[in-house]
Each structure stands twice: as structure tokens, then as C-alpha cells.
Amino acid sequence: MRLCCFQLFNSGDIDDVLLVWSAKQASFDAACSIDIEFQLGHGLDATKAYLSASRAPAAAAALERLRELEADGEFEGFSVEERSASYDRYYRD
């Protein structure tokens, strides 16, 4: 599942945000192994805007979690390009 979420992150389709959230919520192990950053393929601001506008029931929970982590400084210095390159190195090696 983690690798699939990485591929969704790289695809850059904003509609995949909730697919990644759903995968992350599937079980305790999935929640631990799927990075929250996999939702941010379009960046933090675009993802928050998408979730704010979404009527999907899970969108509010996903947005709340992103805001909590943002307030804690989790995404300081986050870059889609740098994170993508980091994941690419991880999966290539």
C-alpha cells in the first residue's frame, strides 16, 4: 500500500488525496506505514484548499489532521520535489 500511495503522490492528481487518506485509515499498521506527506502531491496549501472544498465525509478529518501537523511544524520546509526525490531514492535502492 505504501508504494501505491507513493505512486499516487507522484501522479499529481489532487483527487487522490482522499484515496491516500482512506488507505492510511485502513488499519493501525497502514496508519503507521503510510506517510501523511503522500497526500501532499500538489503541496500543502493546494491540498488543504481541496479538502476544504470537498463534500466527502472523510475530507474534514483529513484536513483536521493536516492542520494539526502543520501547527506542530511537521511540514516546515516541505517541498513536493524534494520529497518525491527522497521517496524515489528510497524505492530505487
PDB file of N, CA and C in Angstrom:
ATOM      1  N   MET A   1       0.820  -1.188   0.000  1.00  0.00           N
ATOM      2  CA  MET A   1       0.000   0.000   0.000  1.00  0.00           C
ATOM      3  C   MET A   1       0.866   1.255   0.000  1.00  0.00           C
ATOM      4  N   ARG A   2       1.954   1.192   0.727  1.00  0.00           N
ATOM      5  CA  ARG A   2       2.838   2.357   0.805  1.00  0.00           C
ATOM      6  C   ARG A   2       3.354   2.743  -0.583  1.00  0.00           C
ATOM      7  N   LEU A   3       3.801   1.760  -1.342  1.00  0.00           N
ATOM      8  CA  LEU A   3       4.316   2.036  -2.678  1.00  0.00           C
ATOM      9  C   LEU A   3       3.214   2.603  -3.578  1.00  0.00           C
ATOM     10  N   CYS A   4       2.022   2.085  -3.471  1.00  0.00           N
ATOM     11  CA  CYS A   4       0.903   2.616  -4.261  1.00  0.00           C
ATOM     12  C   CYS A   4       0.623   4.072  -3.891  1.00  0.00           C
ATOM     13  N   CYS A   5       0.702   4.387  -2.620  1.00  0.00           N
ATOM     14  CA  CYS A   5       0.484   5.768  -2.188  1.00  0.00           C
ATOM     15  C   CYS A   5       1.593   6.681  -2.705  1.00  0.00           C
ATOM     16  N   PHE A   6       2.811   6.170  -2.756  1.00  0.00           N
ATOM     17  CA  PHE A   6       3.920   6.932  -3.349  1.00  0.00           C
ATOM     18  C   PHE A   6       3.621   7.224  -4.817  1.00  0.00           C
ATOM     19  N   GLN A   7       3.115   6.240  -5.521  1.00  0.00           N
ATOM     20  CA  GLN A   7       2.787   6.449  -6.931  1.00  0.00           C
ATOM     21  C   GLN A   7       1.661   7.472  -7.095  1.00  0.00           C
ATOM     22  N   LEU A   8       0.690   7.443  -6.194  1.00  0.00           N
ATOM     23  CA  LEU A   8      -0.375   8.446  -6.241  1.00  0.00           C
ATOM     24  C   LEU A   8       0.190   9.837  -5.944  1.00  0.00           C
ATOM     25  N   PHE A   9       1.097   9.931  -4.993  1.00  0.00           N
ATOM     26  CA  PHE A   9       1.765  11.197  -4.683  1.00  0.00           C
ATOM     27  C   PHE A   9       2.437  11.752  -5.930  1.00  0.00           C
ATOM     28  N   ASN A  10       3.148  10.897  -6.641  1.00  0.00           N
ATOM     29  CA  ASN A  10       3.871  11.334  -7.836  1.00  0.00           C
ATOM     30  C   ASN A  10       2.955  11.625  -9.018  1.00  0.00           C
ATOM     31  N   SER A  11       1.781  11.017  -9.052  1.00  0.00           N
ATOM     32  CA  SER A  11       0.881  11.240 -10.188  1.00  0.00           C
ATOM     33  C   SER A  11       0.372  12.681 -10.215  1.00  0.00           C
ATOM     34  N   GLY A  12       0.298  13.296  -9.059  1.00  0.00           N
ATOM     35  CA  GLY A  12      -0.105  14.694  -9.004  1.00  0.00           C
ATOM     36  C   GLY A  12      -1.582  14.951  -9.221  1.00  0.00           C
ATOM     37  N   ASP A  13      -2.424  13.947  -9.090  1.00  0.00           N
ATOM     38  CA  ASP A  13      -3.866  14.135  -9.235  1.00  0.00           C
ATOM     39  C   ASP A  13      -4.443  14.479  -7.863  1.00  0.00           C
ATOM     40  N   ILE A  14      -4.933  15.685  -7.716  1.00  0.00           N
ATOM     41  CA  ILE A  14      -5.431  16.153  -6.427  1.00  0.00           C
ATOM     42  C   ILE A  14      -6.569  15.273  -5.901  1.00  0.00           C
ATOM     43  N   ASP A  15      -7.307  14.629  -6.784  1.00  0.00           N
ATOM     44  CA  ASP A  15      -8.396  13.754  -6.339  1.00  0.00           C
ATOM     45  C   ASP A  15      -7.893  12.520  -5.588  1.00  0.00           C
ATOM     46  N   ASP A  16      -6.608  12.228  -5.683  1.00  0.00           N
ATOM     47  CA  ASP A  16      -6.043  11.073  -4.984  1.00  0.00           C
ATOM     48  C   ASP A  16      -5.813  11.322  -3.497  1.00  0.00           C
ATOM     49  N   VAL A  17      -5.951  12.561  -3.062  1.00  0.00           N
ATOM     50  CA  VAL A  17      -5.735  12.896  -1.653  1.00  0.00           C
ATOM     51  C   VAL A  17      -6.588  12.020  -0.745  1.00  0.00           C
ATOM     52  N   LEU A  18      -7.848  11.881  -1.069  1.00  0.00           N
ATOM     53  CA  LEU A  18      -8.738  11.085  -0.221  1.00  0.00           C
ATOM     54  C   LEU A  18      -8.506   9.585  -0.362  1.00  0.00           C
ATOM     55  N   LEU A  19      -7.987   9.148  -1.496  1.00  0.00           N
ATOM     56  CA  LEU A  19      -7.602   7.733  -1.622  1.00  0.00           C
ATOM     57  C   LEU A  19      -6.453   7.410  -0.675  1.00  0.00           C
ATOM     58  N   VAL A  20      -5.489   8.296  -0.618  1.00  0.00           N
ATOM     59  CA  VAL A  20      -4.362   8.099   0.291  1.00  0.00           C
ATOM     60  C   VAL A  20      -4.848   8.139   1.736  1.00  0.00           C
ATOM     61  N   TRP A  21      -5.710   9.086   2.053  1.00  0.00           N
ATOM     62  CA  TRP A  21      -6.262   9.176   3.412  1.00  0.00           C
ATOM     63  C   TRP A  21      -6.997   7.883   3.769  1.00  0.00           C
ATOM     64  N   SER A  22      -7.788   7.384   2.848  1.00  0.00           N
ATOM     65  CA  SER A  22      -8.525   6.141   3.080  1.00  0.00           C
ATOM     66  C   SER A  22      -7.580   4.968   3.325  1.00  0.00           C
ATOM     67  N   ALA A  23      -6.536   4.878   2.542  1.00  0.00           N
ATOM     68  CA  ALA A  23      -5.550   3.807   2.738  1.00  0.00           C
ATOM     69  C   ALA A  23      -4.891   3.939   4.097  1.00  0.00           C
ATOM     70  N   LYS A  24      -4.549   5.149   4.469  1.00  0.00           N
ATOM     71  CA  LYS A  24      -3.893   5.404   5.757  1.00  0.00           C
ATOM     72  C   LYS A  24      -4.802   5.016   6.924  1.00  0.00           C
ATOM     73  N   GLN A  25      -6.098   5.163   6.749  1.00  0.00           N
ATOM     74  CA  GLN A  25      -7.064   4.856   7.802  1.00  0.00           C
ATOM     75  C   GLN A  25      -7.498   3.390   7.828  1.00  0.00           C
ATOM     76  N   ALA A  26      -6.990   2.584   6.912  1.00  0.00           N
ATOM     77  CA  ALA A  26      -7.448   1.197   6.777  1.00  0.00           C
ATOM     78  C   ALA A  26      -7.138   0.339   7.997  1.00  0.00           C
ATOM     79  N   SER A  27      -6.027   0.598   8.653  1.00  0.00           N
ATOM     80  CA  SER A  27      -5.650  -0.194   9.822  1.00  0.00           C
ATOM     81  C   SER A  27      -4.563   0.547  10.589  1.00  0.00           C
ATOM     82  N   PHE A  28      -4.262   0.058  11.769  1.00  0.00           N
ATOM     83  CA  PHE A  28      -3.188   0.658  12.566  1.00  0.00           C
ATOM     84  C   PHE A  28      -1.867   0.578  11.826  1.00  0.00           C
ATOM     85  N   ASP A  29      -1.576  -0.580  11.248  1.00  0.00           N
ATOM     86  CA  ASP A  29      -0.314  -0.752  10.521  1.00  0.00           C
ATOM     87  C   ASP A  29      -0.237   0.177   9.307  1.00  0.00           C
ATOM     88  N   ALA A  30      -1.341   0.333   8.604  1.00  0.00           N
ATOM     89  CA  ALA A  30      -1.356   1.240   7.456  1.00  0.00           C
ATOM     90  C   ALA A  30      -1.144   2.678   7.914  1.00  0.00           C
ATOM     91  N   ALA A  31      -1.782   3.051   9.003  1.00  0.00           N
ATOM     92  CA  ALA A  31      -1.620   4.405   9.526  1.00  0.00           C
ATOM     93  C   ALA A  31      -0.168   4.697   9.878  1.00  0.00           C
ATOM     94  N   CYS A  32       0.525   3.690  10.373  1.00  0.00           N
ATOM     95  CA  CYS A  32       1.930   3.861  10.746  1.00  0.00           C
ATOM     96  C   CYS A  32       2.869   3.860   9.541  1.00  0.00           C
ATOM     97  N   SER A  33       2.522   3.131   8.506  1.00  0.00           N
ATOM     98  CA  SER A  33       3.461   2.963   7.396  1.00  0.00           C
ATOM     99  C   SER A  33       3.234   3.927   6.228  1.00  0.00           C
ATOM    100  N   ILE A  34       2.057   4.498   6.117  1.00  0.00           N
ATOM    101  CA  ILE A  34       1.776   5.414   5.012  1.00  0.00           C
ATOM    102  C   ILE A  34       1.994   6.843   5.499  1.00  0.00           C
ATOM    103  N   ASP A  35       2.987   7.490   4.954  1.00  0.00           N
ATOM    104  CA  ASP A  35       3.327   8.856   5.351  1.00  0.00           C
ATOM    105  C   ASP A  35       2.203   9.825   5.007  1.00  0.00           C
ATOM    106  N   ILE A  36       1.913  10.718   5.927  1.00  0.00           N
ATOM    107  CA  ILE A  36       0.886  11.731   5.682  1.00  0.00           C
ATOM    108  C   ILE A  36       1.261  12.602   4.488  1.00  0.00           C
ATOM    109  N   GLU A  37       2.558  12.749   4.239  1.00  0.00           N
ATOM    110  CA  GLU A  37       3.020  13.566   3.119  1.00  0.00           C
ATOM    111  C   GLU A  37       2.578  13.012   1.768  1.00  0.00           C
ATOM    112  N   PHE A  38       2.212  11.734   1.711  1.00  0.00           N
ATOM    113  CA  PHE A  38       1.725  11.166   0.459  1.00  0.00           C
ATOM    114  C   PHE A  38       0.443  11.863  -0.015  1.00  0.00           C
ATOM    115  N   GLN A  39      -0.218  12.588   0.862  1.00  0.00           N
ATOM    116  CA  GLN A  39      -1.406  13.352   0.468  1.00  0.00           C
ATOM    117  C   GLN A  39      -1.031  14.672  -0.193  1.00  0.00           C
ATOM    118  N   LEU A  40       0.214  15.069  -0.116  1.00  0.00           N
ATOM    119  CA  LEU A  40       0.616  16.419  -0.498  1.00  0.00           C
ATOM    120  C   LEU A  40       1.285  16.506  -1.856  1.00  0.00           C
ATOM    121  N   GLY A  41       0.874  15.709  -2.805  1.00  0.00           N
ATOM    122  CA  GLY A  41       1.467  15.733  -4.132  1.00  0.00           C
ATOM    123  C   GLY A  41       1.305  17.058  -4.860  1.00  0.00           C
ATOM    124  N   HIS A  42       0.341  17.859  -4.439  1.00  0.00           N
ATOM    125  CA  HIS A  42       0.139  19.197  -5.003  1.00  0.00           C
ATOM    126  C   HIS A  42       0.610  20.274  -4.042  1.00  0.00           C
ATOM    127  N   GLY A  43       1.175  19.880  -2.940  1.00  0.00           N
ATOM    128  CA  GLY A  43       1.613  20.840  -1.934  1.00  0.00           C
ATOM    129  C   GLY A  43       0.579  20.981  -0.832  1.00  0.00           C
ATOM    130  N   LEU A  44       1.010  21.545   0.280  1.00  0.00           N
ATOM    131  CA  LEU A  44       0.145  21.662   1.454  1.00  0.00           C
ATOM    132  C   LEU A  44      -1.037  22.594   1.214  1.00  0.00           C
ATOM    133  N   ASP A  45      -0.782  23.768   0.679  1.00  0.00           N
ATOM    134  CA  ASP A  45      -1.873  24.736   0.502  1.00  0.00           C
ATOM    135  C   ASP A  45      -2.940  24.231  -0.456  1.00  0.00           C
ATOM    136  N   ALA A  46      -2.527  23.661  -1.574  1.00  0.00           N
ATOM    137  CA  ALA A  46      -3.488  23.131  -2.541  1.00  0.00           C
ATOM    138  C   ALA A  46      -4.285  21.977  -1.951  1.00  0.00           C
ATOM    139  N   THR A  47      -3.628  21.144  -1.162  1.00  0.00           N
ATOM    140  CA  THR A  47      -4.315  20.010  -0.542  1.00  0.00           C
ATOM    141  C   THR A  47      -5.333  20.486   0.481  1.00  0.00           C
ATOM    142  N   LYS A  48      -4.960  21.457   1.293  1.00  0.00           N
ATOM    143  CA  LYS A  48      -5.904  21.997   2.275  1.00  0.00           C
ATOM    144  C   LYS A  48      -7.095  22.663   1.579  1.00  0.00           C
ATOM    145  N   ALA A  49      -6.840  23.384   0.499  1.00  0.00           N
ATOM    146  CA  ALA A  49      -7.928  24.023  -0.246  1.00  0.00           C
ATOM    147  C   ALA A  49      -8.868  22.968  -0.829  1.00  0.00           C
ATOM    148  N   TYR A  50      -8.292  21.912  -1.386  1.00  0.00           N
ATOM    149  CA  TYR A  50      -9.096  20.828  -1.956  1.00  0.00           C
ATOM    150  C   TYR A  50      -9.967  20.184  -0.874  1.00  0.00           C
ATOM    151  N   LEU A  51      -9.368  19.870   0.260  1.00  0.00           N
ATOM    152  CA  LEU A  51     -10.115  19.223   1.337  1.00  0.00           C
ATOM    153  C   LEU A  51     -11.185  20.151   1.911  1.00  0.00           C
ATOM    154  N   SER A  52     -10.888  21.429   1.991  1.00  0.00           N
ATOM    155  CA  SER A  52     -11.869  22.405   2.489  1.00  0.00           C
ATOM    156  C   SER A  52     -13.093  22.473   1.582  1.00  0.00           C
ATOM    157  N   ALA A  53     -12.886  22.335   0.290  1.00  0.00           N
ATOM    158  CA  ALA A  53     -13.978  22.427  -0.680  1.00  0.00           C
ATOM    159  C   ALA A  53     -14.714  21.101  -0.870  1.00  0.00           C
ATOM    160  N   SER A  54     -14.108  20.016  -0.444  1.00  0.00           N
ATOM    161  CA  SER A  54     -14.684  18.693  -0.669  1.00  0.00           C
ATOM    162  C   SER A  54     -15.891  18.449   0.239  1.00  0.00           C
ATOM    163  N   ARG A  55     -16.861  17.759  -0.305  1.00  0.00           N
ATOM    164  CA  ARG A  55     -18.042  17.361   0.478  1.00  0.00           C
ATOM    165  C   ARG A  55     -17.925  15.919   0.970  1.00  0.00           C
ATOM    166  N   ALA A  56     -16.841  15.273   0.639  1.00  0.00           N
ATOM    167  CA  ALA A  56     -16.646  13.883   1.075  1.00  0.00           C
ATOM    168  C   ALA A  56     -16.549  13.843   2.597  1.00  0.00           C
ATOM    169  N   PRO A  57     -17.189  12.871   3.219  1.00  0.00           N
ATOM    170  CA  PRO A  57     -17.180  12.793   4.678  1.00  0.00           C
ATOM    171  C   PRO A  57     -15.769  12.733   5.288  1.00  0.00           C
ATOM    172  N   ALA A  58     -14.853  12.070   4.624  1.00  0.00           N
ATOM    173  CA  ALA A  58     -13.503  11.913   5.171  1.00  0.00           C
ATOM    174  C   ALA A  58     -12.660  13.184   5.032  1.00  0.00           C
ATOM    175  N   ALA A  59     -13.090  14.114   4.201  1.00  0.00           N
ATOM    176  CA  ALA A  59     -12.287  15.308   3.937  1.00  0.00           C
ATOM    177  C   ALA A  59     -12.060  16.137   5.193  1.00  0.00           C
ATOM    178  N   ALA A  60     -13.067  16.281   6.013  1.00  0.00           N
ATOM    179  CA  ALA A  60     -12.937  17.091   7.231  1.00  0.00           C
ATOM    180  C   ALA A  60     -11.900  16.489   8.182  1.00  0.00           C
ATOM    181  N   ALA A  61     -11.922  15.175   8.336  1.00  0.00           N
ATOM    182  CA  ALA A  61     -10.952  14.515   9.221  1.00  0.00           C
ATOM    183  C   ALA A  61      -9.538  14.636   8.670  1.00  0.00           C
ATOM    184  N   ALA A  62      -9.392  14.458   7.363  1.00  0.00           N
ATOM    185  CA  ALA A  62      -8.069  14.575   6.740  1.00  0.00           C
ATOM    186  C   ALA A  62      -7.538  15.994   6.881  1.00  0.00           C
ATOM    187  N   LEU A  63      -8.400  16.979   6.666  1.00  0.00           N
ATOM    188  CA  LEU A  63      -7.997  18.382   6.791  1.00  0.00           C
ATOM    189  C   LEU A  63      -7.619  18.710   8.227  1.00  0.00           C
ATOM    190  N   GLU A  64      -8.390  18.226   9.172  1.00  0.00           N
ATOM    191  CA  GLU A  64      -8.083  18.469  10.589  1.00  0.00           C
ATOM    192  C   GLU A  64      -6.708  17.912  10.952  1.00  0.00           C
ATOM    193  N   ARG A  65      -6.413  16.713  10.477  1.00  0.00           N
ATOM    194  CA  ARG A  65      -5.115  16.099  10.784  1.00  0.00           C
ATOM    195  C   ARG A  65      -3.970  16.894  10.159  1.00  0.00           C
ATOM    196  N   LEU A  66      -4.143  17.336   8.914  1.00  0.00           N
ATOM    197  CA  LEU A  66      -3.109  18.149   8.272  1.00  0.00           C
ATOM    198  C   LEU A  66      -2.880  19.446   9.036  1.00  0.00           C
ATOM    199  N   ARG A  67      -3.949  20.077   9.478  1.00  0.00           N
ATOM    200  CA  ARG A  67      -3.826  21.337  10.231  1.00  0.00           C
ATOM    201  C   ARG A  67      -3.121  21.122  11.564  1.00  0.00           C
ATOM    202  N   GLU A  68      -3.429  20.015  12.235  1.00  0.00           N
ATOM    203  CA  GLU A  68      -2.746  19.688  13.498  1.00  0.00           C
ATOM    204  C   GLU A  68      -1.244  19.533  13.278  1.00  0.00           C
ATOM    205  N   LEU A  69      -0.894  18.771  12.267  1.00  0.00           N
ATOM    206  CA  LEU A  69       0.518  18.536  11.985  1.00  0.00           C
ATOM    207  C   LEU A  69       1.215  19.811  11.525  1.00  0.00           C
ATOM    208  N   GLU A  70       0.519  20.616  10.764  1.00  0.00           N
ATOM    209  CA  GLU A  70       1.087  21.892  10.326  1.00  0.00           C
ATOM    210  C   GLU A  70       1.368  22.782  11.536  1.00  0.00           C
ATOM    211  N   ALA A  71       0.426  22.852  12.471  1.00  0.00           N
ATOM    212  CA  ALA A  71       0.600  23.657  13.676  1.00  0.00           C
ATOM    213  C   ALA A  71       1.788  23.170  14.508  1.00  0.00           C
ATOM    214  N   ASP A  72       2.054  21.877  14.446  1.00  0.00           N
ATOM    215  CA  ASP A  72       3.189  21.289  15.163  1.00  0.00           C
ATOM    216  C   ASP A  72       4.505  21.460  14.416  1.00  0.00           C
ATOM    217  N   GLY A  73       4.461  22.063  13.219  1.00  0.00           N
ATOM    218  CA  GLY A  73       5.670  22.298  12.438  1.00  0.00           C
ATOM    219  C   GLY A  73       6.115  21.124  11.595  1.00  0.00           C
ATOM    220  N   GLU A  74       5.249  20.146  11.444  1.00  0.00           N
ATOM    221  CA  GLU A  74       5.583  18.921  10.707  1.00  0.00           C
ATOM    222  C   GLU A  74       5.972  19.180   9.251  1.00  0.00           C
ATOM    223  N   PHE A  75       5.401  20.205   8.642  1.00  0.00           N
ATOM    224  CA  PHE A  75       5.610  20.426   7.217  1.00  0.00           C
ATOM    225  C   PHE A  75       6.554  21.590   6.906  1.00  0.00           C
ATOM    226  N   GLU A  76       7.241  22.085   7.908  1.00  0.00           N
ATOM    227  CA  GLU A  76       8.185  23.186   7.673  1.00  0.00           C
ATOM    228  C   GLU A  76       9.257  22.726   6.691  1.00  0.00           C
ATOM    229  N   GLY A  77       9.453  23.515   5.671  1.00  0.00           N
ATOM    230  CA  GLY A  77      10.448  23.181   4.651  1.00  0.00           C
ATOM    231  C   GLY A  77      10.009  22.097   3.685  1.00  0.00           C
ATOM    232  N   PHE A  78       8.733  21.695   3.745  1.00  0.00           N
ATOM    233  CA  PHE A  78       8.259  20.641   2.846  1.00  0.00           C
ATOM    234  C   PHE A  78       8.303  21.115   1.408  1.00  0.00           C
ATOM    235  N   SER A  79       8.797  20.267   0.540  1.00  0.00           N
ATOM    236  CA  SER A  79       8.829  20.526  -0.894  1.00  0.00           C
ATOM    237  C   SER A  79       8.397  19.257  -1.607  1.00  0.00           C
ATOM    238  N   VAL A  80       7.430  19.381  -2.501  1.00  0.00           N
ATOM    239  CA  VAL A  80       6.959  18.225  -3.268  1.00  0.00           C
ATOM    240  C   VAL A  80       8.125  17.605  -4.028  1.00  0.00           C
ATOM    241  N   GLU A  81       8.925  18.437  -4.675  1.00  0.00           N
ATOM    242  CA  GLU A  81      10.035  17.942  -5.491  1.00  0.00           C
ATOM    243  C   GLU A  81      11.077  17.215  -4.636  1.00  0.00           C
ATOM    244  N   GLU A  82      11.436  17.803  -3.498  1.00  0.00           N
ATOM    245  CA  GLU A  82      12.435  17.168  -2.634  1.00  0.00           C
ATOM    246  C   GLU A  82      11.909  15.868  -2.039  1.00  0.00           C
ATOM    247  N   ARG A  83      10.643  15.872  -1.625  1.00  0.00           N
ATOM    248  CA  ARG A  83      10.073  14.654  -1.041  1.00  0.00           C
ATOM    249  C   ARG A  83       9.967  13.565  -2.090  1.00  0.00           C
ATOM    250  N   SER A  84       9.582  13.931  -3.308  1.00  0.00           N
ATOM    251  CA  SER A  84       9.496  12.964  -4.392  1.00  0.00           C
ATOM    252  C   SER A  84      10.862  12.347  -4.673  1.00  0.00           C
ATOM    253  N   ALA A  85      11.889  13.172  -4.712  1.00  0.00           N
ATOM    254  CA  ALA A  85      13.246  12.663  -4.948  1.00  0.00           C
ATOM    255  C   ALA A  85      13.689  11.748  -3.813  1.00  0.00           C
ATOM    256  N   SER A  86      13.330  12.103  -2.594  1.00  0.00           N
ATOM    257  CA  SER A  86      13.680  11.274  -1.435  1.00  0.00           C
ATOM    258  C   SER A  86      12.999   9.905  -1.503  1.00  0.00           C
ATOM    259  N   TYR A  87      11.717   9.897  -1.819  1.00  0.00           N
ATOM    260  CA  TYR A  87      10.994   8.630  -1.963  1.00  0.00           C
ATOM    261  C   TYR A  87      11.551   7.821  -3.125  1.00  0.00           C
ATOM    262  N   ASP A  88      11.886   8.500  -4.200  1.00  0.00           N
ATOM    263  CA  ASP A  88      12.447   7.819  -5.364  1.00  0.00           C
ATOM    264  C   ASP A  88      13.745   7.105  -4.992  1.00  0.00           C
ATOM    265  N   ARG A  89      14.608   7.784  -4.259  1.00  0.00           N
ATOM    266  CA  ARG A  89      15.863   7.145  -3.807  1.00  0.00           C
ATOM    267  C   ARG A  89      15.576   5.960  -2.901  1.00  0.00           C
ATOM    268  N   TYR A  90      14.614   6.108  -2.007  1.00  0.00           N
ATOM    269  CA  TYR A  90      14.249   5.044  -1.076  1.00  0.00           C
ATOM    270  C   TYR A  90      13.793   3.796  -1.823  1.00  0.00           C
ATOM    271  N   TYR A  91      12.910   3.968  -2.789  1.00  0.00           N
ATOM    272  CA  TYR A  91      12.363   2.811  -3.501  1.00  0.00           C
ATOM    273  C   TYR A  91      13.299   2.262  -4.568  1.00  0.00           C
ATOM    274  N   ARG A  92      14.201   3.082  -5.046  1.00  0.00           N
ATOM    275  CA  ARG A  92      15.150   2.627  -6.053  1.00  0.00           C
ATOM    276  C   ARG A  92      16.259   1.777  -5.411  1.00  0.00           C
ATOM    277  N   ASP A  93      16.647   2.130  -4.209  1.00  0.00           N
ATOM    278  CA  ASP A  93      17.747   1.412  -3.534  1.00  0.00           C
ATOM    279  C   ASP A  93      17.294   0.197  -2.868  1.00  0.00           C
TER     280      ASP A  93
END
